[in-house]
Amino acid sequence: MMKKRLLTLIFLVLIFIPRMSWSQDKVAESVFAHVSKNIAAAGEKVWFSIQALDQNLNFYSKIGYAELVDRNGLAVYQVIYPLQNGKYEGILEIPNSLESDHYLLRFYTRISPVLSEKGVFNQFITIINPKKPSKVKATIQNGKSYGFIKAEEISPKNQTSLSLKSKTSIDFPSSFDGKVSSISVSISNPFLPETHHGYIRREIYRDIQDNSDLIPEPYGHIVYGKNLNTMIDTTETFFLSSHGVQSFLSSAKPKPSGDLYFEIGALKAFNYLIAQSSHIENQLNFSPELPFLKLKFKEDFIFPVLQMEEKDRELLTDLITSGQVSNYYYSNDSVEFAPIVVGFDADKTYLLDDYTRFENLETTLREYVPEVLVRKQDKKTLFKVLNNPLGSVFQENPLIMIDAMPVFDTDALAAFDPVNIQKLEVMTREFSFNRDKYSGVLSFTSFNNDFGKFQLPPNALYLNYPEIQKVKTPKSPHLNSNLSQENFPDFRSTLYWNATANGITSPLEINSSEISGNFEIILGYQDGDGNMKFMKKPLKVVNR
């Protein structure tokens, strides 16, 4: 229970950084990704690793973005993920709704495509969906031939061979020691033309303008939105509370243009957001903007056409089988709770289970909390908090929150049954939050981080905003933790994945599955100049 209570603490960030004053510190980030395979079945999970570093290998952005884009330039799947020291390892969950076709995977940070020629990483991936065959017919394509950067062959170039459900060891050149950052061993993609293997950078997109609307994220994710009112009141405060295992409150005032920027900071896991305004009497007129960049392909950039034949039936069957069982090889999500700047320092804390429970909060406060006076003024409930430093009483309502969600309807709060409220924290001093000052703080925490069943304010806006992907790690580099069991059904099309390799000090051991065919070993490594590159070696699994 104590651990659960710690996880439901309310955090408030005090740092407010003007987003448009950073031009002197623009950072050109180079983005490099390693995707565990470039062919997958709909519904399958595909591993990836990413790094976003500047030319001196320093990290800047704390948030990265991944998108799966169709041949019409529409993003059919989008991911936000946290960067730790400029790096991250996660999974792409291929939607079941996609039809069979080639798609483009791209990775970037919020500023990298604008500031760097290497600021976006693109590669093709082929998706197979037996329920939705490709609708694109093969035609002669007249687009420009863009040069994809391909992996170099590891010498010697001869293909290694092993039988089903066996293992082998692969030796790599000693010059790679200490330089390998990621390794994958996955089934090869015979449907993607050789001209489109590898990766490509920013040259496939139309010109991206360097403008003042860039939103850097050196501390964490920033939610950008617009105040849609015709007349913009720059003194109005908008609140954005983030809710999940942790709760977090941010606030912002609109610029004359109506732009709003909410700093979420170190918070890495939330399920939904709630937006409110200090002008509670008015309908909230706020629109959040998705953080993904509007990158547009050049007109002469052409997707290849997916062509499959009867001879591919066995391979396709293996791919579909592998995709259906792939979830078994993935561990559960985990959440890393980074330290968050705490702006709310309570002067008194009350655990309500330590006291007799009353039917409403008004009675509870009157009976047990001497730091709060409950009064009626103009038929409205007013909570007056003691101002300890001055030995007086504040005359205005404090900042009131339940699980980091601001509460402005004091009458509803006074009548609320606190049976599901675990804790009350009281601050008996003036509280400065961004550019606003409050007459103390009343912060309630529920047992289940669900507002204690308090009704969502009528003028609040529930936002189904994209989540930040939780940290995901494989059960083992071989993905299958039952390799020692000979009779265990094993249909992996990815035989090995390691995105945390710090160099190879011994031969790489590979265990094959019950899927035969052509595989490829891909190594992501850093060359002598600090540039990231790929090397590959073919591997054939045969049914002997």
Protein backbone atom coordinates (compact mmCIF):
# COMPACT_ATOMS: atom_id res chain seq x y z
CA MET A 1 0.00 0.00 0.00
CA MET A 2 2.85 2.38 0.83
CA LYS A 3 4.37 1.88 -2.64
CA LYS A 4 1.00 2.58 -4.22
CA ARG A 5 0.64 5.75 -2.18
CA LEU A 6 4.04 6.93 -3.29
CA LEU A 7 3.14 6.35 -6.93
CA THR A 8 0.02 8.49 -6.62
CA LEU A 9 1.79 11.54 -5.30
CA ILE A 10 0.83 14.83 -6.92
CA PHE A 11 3.68 16.68 -8.60
CA LEU A 12 3.73 20.31 -9.64
CA VAL A 13 6.40 21.82 -11.88
CA LEU A 14 7.47 25.39 -11.27
CA ILE A 15 9.73 25.81 -14.27
CA PHE A 16 8.26 27.91 -17.07
CA ILE A 17 10.52 28.49 -20.05
CA PRO A 18 9.54 30.90 -22.83
CA ARG A 19 9.45 28.63 -25.86
CA MET A 20 10.28 31.27 -28.42
CA SER A 21 13.49 32.59 -26.86
CA TRP A 22 15.77 29.67 -27.54
CA SER A 23 16.97 30.51 -31.06
CA GLN A 24 20.51 31.14 -29.88
CA ASP A 25 20.74 27.56 -28.62
CA LYS A 26 19.35 25.64 -31.59
CA VAL A 27 20.67 22.10 -31.64
CA ALA A 28 21.12 20.08 -34.84
CA GLU A 29 20.31 16.50 -33.82
CA SER A 30 21.15 13.49 -35.92
CA VAL A 31 18.58 10.69 -35.55
CA PHE A 32 19.54 7.05 -36.07
CA ALA A 33 17.25 4.04 -35.59
CA HIS A 34 17.58 0.28 -35.69
CA VAL A 35 14.39 -1.66 -36.40
CA SER A 36 14.54 -5.36 -35.56
CA LYS A 37 12.92 -6.41 -38.86
CA ASN A 38 11.57 -4.79 -42.02
CA ILE A 39 8.72 -7.24 -42.62
CA ALA A 40 5.95 -8.06 -40.16
CA ALA A 41 2.36 -9.27 -39.90
CA ALA A 42 -0.51 -6.99 -38.92
CA GLY A 43 -0.93 -7.10 -35.15
CA GLU A 44 2.72 -7.98 -34.56
CA LYS A 45 5.13 -6.09 -32.32
CA VAL A 46 8.45 -4.98 -33.77
CA TRP A 47 11.41 -3.87 -31.68
CA PHE A 48 13.25 -0.65 -32.38
CA SER A 49 16.01 1.44 -30.83
CA ILE A 50 16.65 5.11 -31.43
CA GLN A 51 19.28 7.69 -30.65
CA ALA A 52 19.15 11.45 -31.18
CA LEU A 53 22.50 13.16 -30.62
CA ASP A 54 24.26 16.27 -31.87
CA GLN A 55 27.55 16.27 -33.78
CA ASN A 56 29.48 16.06 -30.51
CA LEU A 57 27.41 13.05 -29.40
CA ASN A 58 25.64 15.13 -26.76
CA PHE A 59 21.93 14.66 -26.11
CA TYR A 60 19.34 17.42 -26.01
CA SER A 61 15.74 16.33 -26.64
CA LYS A 62 13.98 14.23 -24.00
CA ILE A 63 11.14 13.14 -26.28
CA GLY A 64 11.14 11.33 -29.64
CA TYR A 65 8.48 10.44 -32.20
CA ALA A 66 7.86 7.50 -34.51
CA GLU A 67 5.31 7.24 -37.30
CA LEU A 68 4.18 4.56 -39.71
CA VAL A 69 3.16 6.28 -42.95
CA ASP A 70 1.24 4.87 -45.92
CA ARG A 71 1.85 5.59 -49.61
CA ASN A 72 -0.59 8.51 -49.46
CA GLY A 73 1.53 10.25 -46.83
CA LEU A 74 -0.98 9.56 -44.04
CA ALA A 75 0.30 8.49 -40.63
CA VAL A 76 -1.50 5.25 -39.73
CA TYR A 77 0.32 4.71 -36.43
CA GLN A 78 2.14 7.19 -34.17
CA VAL A 79 4.24 6.81 -31.03
CA ILE A 80 5.66 9.25 -28.49
CA TYR A 81 8.57 7.87 -26.48
CA PRO A 82 10.94 9.21 -23.81
CA LEU A 83 14.65 9.62 -24.52
CA GLN A 84 17.15 8.84 -21.79
CA ASN A 85 20.56 10.33 -22.60
CA GLY A 86 19.37 10.66 -26.17
CA LYS A 87 18.42 6.96 -26.50
CA TYR A 88 15.38 4.70 -26.22
CA GLU A 89 14.34 1.11 -26.85
CA GLY A 90 10.70 0.23 -27.48
CA ILE A 91 8.24 -1.56 -29.72
CA LEU A 92 6.02 -0.68 -32.63
CA GLU A 93 2.59 -2.31 -32.45
CA ILE A 94 1.51 -2.84 -36.05
CA PRO A 95 -2.26 -2.08 -36.28
CA ASN A 96 -4.53 -4.94 -37.29
CA SER A 97 -6.46 -2.55 -39.51
CA LEU A 98 -3.67 -2.06 -42.07
CA GLU A 99 -3.87 -3.63 -45.49
CA SER A 100 -0.92 -5.51 -46.93
CA ASP A 101 1.55 -3.02 -48.39
CA HIS A 102 4.89 -1.28 -48.00
CA TYR A 103 4.90 1.48 -45.34
CA LEU A 104 7.50 4.02 -44.32
CA LEU A 105 8.76 4.17 -40.74
CA ARG A 106 10.18 7.50 -39.65
CA PHE A 107 11.79 8.68 -36.44
CA TYR A 108 12.58 12.22 -35.30
CA THR A 109 12.46 14.69 -32.43
CA ARG A 110 10.30 17.78 -32.41
CA ILE A 111 13.08 19.97 -33.79
CA SER A 112 15.46 17.59 -35.57
CA PRO A 113 13.90 17.53 -39.10
CA VAL A 114 14.02 21.31 -39.29
CA LEU A 115 17.53 21.86 -37.97
CA SER A 116 19.45 18.92 -39.41
CA GLU A 117 19.75 17.11 -42.74
CA LYS A 118 20.09 13.96 -40.63
CA GLY A 119 17.23 14.91 -38.34
CA VAL A 120 14.77 12.31 -39.60
CA PHE A 121 15.40 8.60 -40.14
CA ASN A 122 13.22 6.76 -42.69
CA GLN A 123 13.06 3.12 -43.72
CA PHE A 124 10.49 0.91 -45.42
CA ILE A 125 8.73 -1.95 -43.67
CA THR A 126 6.40 -4.44 -45.36
CA ILE A 127 3.15 -5.31 -43.56
CA ILE A 128 1.31 -8.54 -44.36
CA ASN A 129 -2.38 -8.77 -43.47
CA PRO A 130 -4.12 -11.96 -44.74
CA LYS A 131 -7.52 -10.35 -44.20
CA LYS A 132 -6.67 -7.21 -46.18
CA PRO A 133 -4.68 -7.80 -49.37
CA SER A 134 -3.02 -4.89 -51.13
CA LYS A 135 -5.31 -2.84 -53.38
CA VAL A 136 -2.43 -1.25 -55.28
CA LYS A 137 -1.87 -2.70 -58.74
CA ALA A 138 1.59 -3.01 -60.24
CA THR A 139 2.27 -0.20 -62.70
CA ILE A 140 5.30 1.43 -64.25
CA GLN A 141 6.54 4.04 -61.80
CA ASN A 142 8.24 7.17 -63.04
CA GLY A 143 9.36 8.71 -59.76
CA LYS A 144 12.86 9.84 -58.92
CA SER A 145 15.30 7.18 -57.74
CA TYR A 146 16.35 8.26 -54.26
CA GLY A 147 19.52 6.76 -52.85
CA PHE A 148 18.84 4.62 -49.79
CA ILE A 149 21.83 3.99 -47.52
CA LYS A 150 22.35 0.24 -47.32
CA ALA A 151 24.15 -1.88 -44.75
CA GLU A 152 27.65 -2.95 -45.68
CA GLU A 153 28.42 -6.66 -45.90
CA ILE A 154 30.39 -8.18 -43.06
CA SER A 155 33.44 -9.97 -44.43
CA PRO A 156 33.61 -12.83 -45.21
CA LYS A 157 30.41 -12.51 -47.20
CA ASN A 158 29.58 -16.20 -47.40
CA GLN A 159 26.22 -17.15 -45.92
CA THR A 160 26.09 -18.95 -42.57
CA SER A 161 23.70 -21.89 -42.40
CA LEU A 162 22.02 -23.73 -39.53
CA SER A 163 19.12 -26.13 -39.18
CA LEU A 164 15.74 -25.70 -37.50
CA LYS A 165 15.82 -25.38 -33.70
CA SER A 166 19.60 -25.47 -33.50
CA LYS A 167 22.23 -22.94 -32.57
CA THR A 168 25.42 -21.50 -33.96
CA SER A 169 28.04 -18.93 -33.03
CA ILE A 170 28.97 -16.04 -35.27
CA ASP A 171 32.37 -14.35 -35.11
CA PHE A 172 32.66 -10.70 -36.03
CA PRO A 173 35.79 -8.71 -36.85
CA SER A 174 37.74 -7.69 -33.75
CA SER A 175 37.67 -4.09 -35.03
CA PHE A 176 33.98 -4.01 -33.94
CA ASP A 177 34.84 -4.54 -30.28
CA GLY A 178 33.32 -1.83 -28.11
CA LYS A 179 31.57 -0.13 -31.03
CA VAL A 180 28.37 -2.17 -31.54
CA SER A 181 25.23 -0.56 -30.12
CA SER A 182 22.50 -2.84 -31.45
CA ILE A 183 22.10 -6.28 -33.04
CA SER A 184 19.16 -7.94 -34.75
CA VAL A 185 18.73 -11.32 -36.41
CA SER A 186 15.47 -11.47 -38.34
CA ILE A 187 13.87 -12.97 -41.39
CA SER A 188 14.74 -11.24 -44.66
CA ASN A 189 12.20 -9.27 -46.68
CA PRO A 190 12.01 -10.61 -50.27
CA PHE A 191 9.14 -8.30 -51.24
CA LEU A 192 10.93 -4.99 -50.82
CA PRO A 193 12.94 -4.01 -53.93
CA GLU A 194 16.68 -3.82 -53.38
CA THR A 195 16.55 -0.11 -54.31
CA HIS A 196 14.42 0.57 -51.21
CA HIS A 197 16.36 -1.43 -48.63
CA GLY A 198 18.28 0.53 -46.00
CA TYR A 199 17.38 4.02 -44.82
CA ILE A 200 17.12 7.55 -46.13
CA ARG A 201 17.14 11.02 -44.60
CA ARG A 202 15.36 14.33 -45.09
CA GLU A 203 15.75 14.54 -48.88
CA ILE A 204 12.44 12.76 -49.56
CA TYR A 205 10.44 15.60 -47.96
CA ARG A 206 9.43 18.99 -49.20
CA ASP A 207 11.35 21.95 -47.76
CA ILE A 208 10.85 22.40 -44.03
CA GLN A 209 10.94 26.01 -42.95
CA ASP A 210 13.04 27.02 -39.97
CA ASN A 211 10.59 29.23 -38.07
CA SER A 212 9.91 30.56 -34.58
CA ASP A 213 7.17 27.99 -33.94
CA LEU A 214 9.63 25.20 -33.20
CA ILE A 215 8.99 23.56 -29.83
CA PRO A 216 12.18 22.19 -28.24
CA GLU A 217 11.78 19.53 -25.53
CA PRO A 218 14.98 19.51 -23.44
CA TYR A 219 13.12 18.77 -20.18
CA GLY A 220 10.23 16.56 -21.30
CA HIS A 221 7.06 16.60 -23.36
CA ILE A 222 5.30 19.87 -24.12
CA VAL A 223 1.60 19.90 -24.97
CA TYR A 224 0.81 22.63 -27.47
CA GLY A 225 -2.70 23.98 -27.91
CA LYS A 226 -4.70 26.95 -29.12
CA ASN A 227 -7.13 29.26 -27.35
CA LEU A 228 -9.85 29.52 -29.99
CA ASN A 229 -11.63 32.54 -28.53
CA THR A 230 -11.99 35.48 -30.90
CA MET A 231 -10.72 37.85 -28.23
CA ILE A 232 -7.62 36.49 -26.46
CA ASP A 233 -7.29 37.32 -22.78
CA THR A 234 -3.59 36.92 -22.04
CA THR A 235 -4.30 36.97 -18.26
CA GLU A 236 -6.49 33.87 -18.42
CA THR A 237 -4.86 30.79 -16.93
CA PHE A 238 -5.35 27.41 -18.56
CA PHE A 239 -4.69 24.28 -16.52
CA LEU A 240 -3.66 20.92 -17.92
CA SER A 241 -3.63 17.97 -15.55
CA SER A 242 -2.12 14.64 -16.62
CA HIS A 243 -3.46 11.46 -15.08
CA GLY A 244 -2.19 7.90 -14.89
CA VAL A 245 -0.12 6.11 -12.28
CA GLN A 246 1.23 9.54 -11.41
CA SER A 247 -0.68 12.81 -11.59
CA PHE A 248 0.78 16.10 -12.67
CA LEU A 249 -0.45 19.69 -13.05
CA SER A 250 0.77 22.31 -15.51
CA SER A 251 -0.56 25.74 -16.37
CA ALA A 252 -0.07 28.32 -19.12
CA LYS A 253 -1.32 31.69 -20.23
CA PRO A 254 -2.10 32.28 -23.91
CA LYS A 255 0.08 34.44 -26.08
CA PRO A 256 -1.70 37.16 -28.10
CA SER A 257 -1.88 34.62 -30.94
CA GLY A 258 -3.73 32.19 -28.66
CA ASP A 259 -0.81 29.73 -28.46
CA LEU A 260 -0.52 27.73 -25.24
CA TYR A 261 2.45 25.63 -24.13
CA PHE A 262 2.13 23.19 -21.20
CA GLU A 263 5.36 21.82 -19.78
CA ILE A 264 4.81 18.24 -18.58
CA GLY A 265 8.47 17.87 -17.68
CA ALA A 266 9.76 14.56 -16.35
CA LEU A 267 6.36 12.86 -16.31
CA LYS A 268 6.67 9.82 -18.59
CA ALA A 269 3.39 7.98 -18.15
CA PHE A 270 -0.17 9.24 -18.38
CA ASN A 271 -3.45 7.82 -19.65
CA TYR A 272 -5.37 11.01 -20.37
CA LEU A 273 -5.33 14.78 -19.89
CA ILE A 274 -7.90 17.21 -18.51
CA ALA A 275 -7.93 20.87 -19.58
CA GLN A 276 -9.61 23.65 -17.59
CA SER A 277 -9.63 27.44 -17.46
CA SER A 278 -9.59 29.87 -14.56
CA HIS A 279 -12.61 31.50 -16.25
CA ILE A 280 -14.91 28.74 -15.03
CA GLU A 281 -18.07 30.62 -15.98
CA ASN A 282 -17.23 30.38 -19.69
CA GLN A 283 -17.24 27.36 -21.96
CA LEU A 284 -13.68 26.13 -22.49
CA ASN A 285 -12.60 26.97 -26.01
CA PHE A 286 -9.34 25.09 -26.24
CA SER A 287 -7.93 22.79 -28.92
CA PRO A 288 -4.84 20.64 -28.35
CA GLU A 289 -2.52 20.12 -31.32
CA LEU A 290 -0.91 16.75 -31.90
CA PRO A 291 2.90 16.94 -31.52
CA PHE A 292 3.74 15.00 -34.70
CA LEU A 293 5.29 17.09 -37.48
CA LYS A 294 3.46 17.60 -40.75
CA LEU A 295 6.14 16.19 -43.04
CA LYS A 296 5.11 15.97 -46.70
CA PHE A 297 6.73 13.78 -49.32
CA LYS A 298 8.09 15.27 -52.50
CA GLU A 299 5.87 14.53 -55.49
CA ASP A 300 8.57 12.42 -57.18
CA PHE A 301 9.07 10.14 -54.14
CA ILE A 302 7.33 6.89 -55.02
CA PHE A 303 6.48 3.90 -52.84
CA PRO A 304 7.27 0.53 -54.42
CA VAL A 305 4.35 -1.78 -55.22
CA LEU A 306 3.93 -4.93 -53.14
CA GLN A 307 3.88 -8.02 -55.33
CA MET A 308 3.27 -11.50 -53.94
CA GLU A 309 3.05 -14.80 -55.79
CA GLU A 310 1.90 -18.34 -55.08
CA LYS A 311 5.50 -19.42 -54.42
CA ASP A 312 5.52 -17.07 -51.40
CA ARG A 313 2.73 -18.95 -49.63
CA GLU A 314 4.98 -20.83 -47.18
CA LEU A 315 6.89 -17.70 -46.20
CA LEU A 316 3.68 -15.73 -45.72
CA THR A 317 2.22 -18.51 -43.58
CA ASP A 318 5.32 -18.48 -41.38
CA LEU A 319 5.16 -14.69 -41.04
CA ILE A 320 1.51 -14.76 -40.03
CA THR A 321 2.10 -17.54 -37.52
CA SER A 322 5.05 -15.67 -36.04
CA GLY A 323 3.00 -12.49 -35.74
CA GLN A 324 0.17 -14.27 -33.94
CA VAL A 325 2.44 -15.63 -31.22
CA SER A 326 4.83 -12.68 -30.97
CA ASN A 327 3.13 -11.24 -27.88
CA TYR A 328 4.38 -14.19 -25.89
CA TYR A 329 7.96 -13.06 -26.35
CA TYR A 330 7.44 -9.59 -24.89
CA SER A 331 7.58 -8.63 -21.25
CA ASN A 332 5.01 -6.42 -19.59
CA ASP A 333 5.20 -2.66 -19.76
CA SER A 334 7.18 -0.95 -17.06
CA VAL A 335 7.33 2.64 -15.95
CA GLU A 336 10.48 4.41 -14.83
CA PHE A 337 9.62 7.21 -12.44
CA ALA A 338 12.20 9.93 -12.94
CA PRO A 339 12.52 12.57 -10.23
CA ILE A 340 10.15 15.47 -10.84
CA VAL A 341 10.63 19.00 -9.57
CA VAL A 342 8.23 19.28 -6.67
CA GLY A 343 6.72 22.72 -6.30
CA PHE A 344 4.14 21.94 -3.62
CA ASP A 345 5.60 21.55 -0.13
CA ALA A 346 2.84 20.78 2.36
CA ASP A 347 2.90 22.33 5.82
CA LYS A 348 0.45 19.77 7.23
CA THR A 349 -0.69 16.36 6.04
CA TYR A 350 -3.83 14.51 7.13
CA LEU A 351 -4.45 10.79 6.52
CA LEU A 352 -8.24 10.69 6.64
CA ASP A 353 -8.40 7.07 7.78
CA ASP A 354 -6.83 8.24 11.04
CA TYR A 355 -10.05 10.11 11.83
CA THR A 356 -13.74 9.40 12.04
CA ARG A 357 -15.23 9.60 8.57
CA PHE A 358 -17.92 12.23 8.00
CA GLU A 359 -20.47 12.40 5.21
CA ASN A 360 -18.94 15.39 3.41
CA LEU A 361 -15.72 17.38 3.13
CA GLU A 362 -17.19 20.50 4.69
CA THR A 363 -17.76 18.69 7.99
CA THR A 364 -14.40 16.95 7.74
CA LEU A 365 -12.56 20.25 7.36
CA ARG A 366 -14.51 21.92 10.15
CA GLU A 367 -13.85 19.07 12.57
CA TYR A 368 -10.25 18.08 11.89
CA VAL A 369 -8.39 20.73 9.93
CA PRO A 370 -7.81 23.90 11.96
CA GLU A 371 -5.69 25.38 9.13
CA VAL A 372 -8.84 25.74 6.98
CA LEU A 373 -11.90 27.84 7.82
CA VAL A 374 -15.13 27.03 5.97
CA ARG A 375 -17.33 30.07 5.40
CA LYS A 376 -20.29 31.13 3.30
CA GLN A 377 -20.04 34.30 1.25
CA ASP A 378 -22.76 35.39 -1.22
CA LYS A 379 -24.27 31.90 -0.81
CA LYS A 380 -21.00 30.34 -2.00
CA THR A 381 -18.70 28.14 0.03
CA LEU A 382 -15.33 29.70 0.73
CA PHE A 383 -12.31 27.85 2.10
CA LYS A 384 -10.01 30.26 3.94
CA VAL A 385 -6.53 28.96 4.66
CA LEU A 386 -4.36 30.27 7.47
CA ASN A 387 -1.46 32.45 6.37
CA ASN A 388 1.09 31.25 8.92
CA PRO A 389 4.01 33.56 8.00
CA LEU A 390 1.83 36.63 8.64
CA GLY A 391 -0.32 35.17 11.40
CA SER A 392 -3.50 35.96 9.48
CA VAL A 393 -6.10 34.31 7.27
CA PHE A 394 -6.22 34.43 3.46
CA GLN A 395 -9.44 35.99 2.16
CA GLU A 396 -9.54 34.12 -1.17
CA ASN A 397 -9.97 30.46 -2.00
CA PRO A 398 -6.70 28.51 -2.18
CA LEU A 399 -5.62 26.40 -5.12
CA ILE A 400 -7.71 23.25 -4.62
CA MET A 401 -6.84 19.96 -6.32
CA ILE A 402 -7.92 16.33 -6.30
CA ASP A 403 -5.22 14.09 -7.76
CA ALA A 404 -3.66 17.17 -9.41
CA MET A 405 -6.94 18.20 -11.07
CA PRO A 406 -7.91 21.79 -10.11
CA VAL A 407 -11.34 22.13 -8.50
CA PHE A 408 -13.14 25.46 -8.74
CA ASP A 409 -16.68 24.47 -7.67
CA THR A 410 -16.29 24.83 -3.91
CA ASP A 411 -19.98 24.11 -3.24
CA ALA A 412 -19.71 20.73 -4.95
CA LEU A 413 -16.47 20.02 -3.09
CA ALA A 414 -18.00 20.94 0.28
CA ALA A 415 -20.86 18.48 -0.30
CA PHE A 416 -18.58 15.73 -1.61
CA ASP A 417 -18.33 12.46 0.34
CA PRO A 418 -14.58 11.92 1.03
CA VAL A 419 -14.90 8.17 1.61
CA ASN A 420 -12.49 7.51 -1.30
CA ILE A 421 -10.03 10.27 -0.36
CA GLN A 422 -6.86 9.01 1.26
CA LYS A 423 -4.98 12.16 2.14
CA LEU A 424 -5.19 15.94 2.46
CA GLU A 425 -2.11 18.16 2.22
CA VAL A 426 -2.36 21.80 3.27
CA MET A 427 0.01 24.62 2.41
CA THR A 428 -0.46 27.61 4.72
CA ARG A 429 1.61 30.04 2.71
CA GLU A 430 1.23 31.93 -0.53
CA PHE A 431 1.89 29.58 -3.42
CA SER A 432 3.45 30.78 -6.68
CA PHE A 433 2.68 28.58 -9.65
CA ASN A 434 4.17 29.81 -12.92
CA ARG A 435 2.90 33.40 -13.12
CA ASP A 436 -0.04 33.03 -10.71
CA LYS A 437 -0.17 33.37 -6.94
CA TYR A 438 -2.62 31.44 -4.75
CA SER A 439 -3.84 31.85 -1.18
CA GLY A 440 -2.43 28.55 0.00
CA VAL A 441 -3.12 25.05 -1.31
CA LEU A 442 -5.54 22.22 -0.50
CA SER A 443 -4.41 19.05 -2.24
CA PHE A 444 -6.52 15.89 -1.93
CA THR A 445 -5.22 12.47 -2.98
CA SER A 446 -7.57 9.55 -3.63
CA PHE A 447 -6.81 5.89 -2.94
CA ASN A 448 -7.00 4.86 -6.59
CA ASN A 449 -5.92 8.06 -8.34
CA ASP A 450 -9.48 8.40 -9.74
CA PHE A 451 -10.43 11.71 -8.04
CA GLY A 452 -12.19 9.72 -5.31
CA LYS A 453 -15.23 9.55 -7.65
CA PHE A 454 -15.53 13.34 -7.65
CA GLN A 455 -17.47 14.40 -10.73
CA LEU A 456 -15.48 15.90 -13.59
CA PRO A 457 -16.15 19.67 -13.75
CA PRO A 458 -18.77 20.45 -16.46
CA ASN A 459 -16.55 22.97 -18.27
CA ALA A 460 -13.48 20.75 -18.21
CA LEU A 461 -12.28 19.11 -21.41
CA TYR A 462 -11.25 15.44 -21.37
CA LEU A 463 -8.41 14.95 -23.86
CA ASN A 464 -7.66 11.57 -25.40
CA TYR A 465 -4.11 12.67 -26.11
CA PRO A 466 -1.48 10.18 -27.38
CA GLU A 467 0.30 8.49 -24.51
CA ILE A 468 4.04 8.46 -24.01
CA GLN A 469 5.13 4.86 -24.58
CA LYS A 470 6.11 3.04 -21.43
CA VAL A 471 9.53 1.44 -21.20
CA LYS A 472 9.54 -2.01 -22.80
CA THR A 473 12.26 -4.62 -22.55
CA PRO A 474 12.54 -8.15 -24.02
CA LYS A 475 12.58 -11.18 -21.78
CA SER A 476 15.97 -12.08 -23.22
CA PRO A 477 18.04 -11.11 -26.29
CA HIS A 478 16.86 -14.39 -27.83
CA LEU A 479 13.24 -13.31 -27.08
CA ASN A 480 12.36 -16.92 -26.26
CA SER A 481 13.14 -17.72 -22.63
CA ASN A 482 12.35 -21.42 -23.19
CA LEU A 483 15.19 -22.25 -25.57
CA SER A 484 16.28 -25.20 -23.44
CA GLN A 485 12.93 -26.95 -23.91
CA GLU A 486 13.17 -28.93 -27.13
CA ASN A 487 9.42 -29.53 -27.40
CA PHE A 488 8.48 -25.90 -26.82
CA PRO A 489 6.73 -24.47 -29.96
CA ASP A 490 8.96 -21.70 -31.27
CA PHE A 491 7.87 -19.58 -34.22
CA ARG A 492 10.12 -16.54 -33.87
CA SER A 493 10.88 -14.63 -37.04
CA THR A 494 13.23 -12.44 -34.99
CA LEU A 495 15.86 -14.73 -33.49
CA TYR A 496 17.90 -12.15 -31.60
CA TRP A 497 17.49 -8.54 -30.51
CA ASN A 498 19.89 -6.54 -28.36
CA ALA A 499 19.80 -2.74 -28.30
CA THR A 500 21.98 -2.33 -25.24
CA ALA A 501 25.12 -4.01 -26.52
CA ASN A 502 28.33 -2.35 -25.33
CA GLY A 503 30.54 -4.25 -27.70
CA ILE A 504 30.98 -7.91 -28.57
CA THR A 505 33.56 -9.70 -26.47
CA SER A 506 32.65 -13.23 -27.51
CA PRO A 507 30.97 -14.89 -30.53
CA LEU A 508 27.27 -14.13 -30.95
CA GLU A 509 25.15 -17.19 -30.20
CA ILE A 510 22.04 -17.56 -32.37
CA ASN A 511 19.22 -20.03 -31.77
CA SER A 512 16.98 -20.75 -34.72
CA SER A 513 13.23 -21.38 -34.46
CA GLU A 514 10.86 -23.59 -36.43
CA ILE A 515 10.79 -21.07 -39.28
CA SER A 516 13.16 -21.73 -42.15
CA GLY A 517 14.34 -19.41 -44.89
CA ASN A 518 16.68 -16.48 -45.37
CA PHE A 519 17.54 -14.35 -42.36
CA GLU A 520 19.95 -11.45 -41.90
CA ILE A 521 22.19 -10.34 -39.08
CA ILE A 522 22.26 -6.55 -38.73
CA LEU A 523 24.72 -4.68 -36.54
CA GLY A 524 24.36 -1.02 -35.68
CA TYR A 525 27.75 0.39 -34.79
CA GLN A 526 29.71 3.60 -34.41
CA ASP A 527 32.63 4.24 -36.73
CA GLY A 528 35.85 6.07 -35.87
CA ASP A 529 34.28 9.46 -36.62
CA GLY A 530 31.33 8.87 -34.31
CA ASN A 531 28.86 8.18 -37.15
CA MET A 532 26.30 5.40 -36.81
CA LYS A 533 26.30 2.74 -39.55
CA PHE A 534 24.91 -0.70 -40.33
CA MET A 535 26.71 -3.92 -41.20
CA LYS A 536 24.93 -7.12 -42.22
CA LYS A 537 25.58 -10.81 -42.75
CA PRO A 538 23.21 -13.32 -44.40
CA LEU A 539 22.00 -16.36 -42.47
CA LYS A 540 20.03 -19.30 -43.84
CA VAL A 541 17.88 -21.61 -41.72
CA VAL A 542 17.25 -24.94 -43.45
CA ASN A 543 14.99 -27.90 -42.75
CA ARG A 544 17.41 -30.81 -42.80
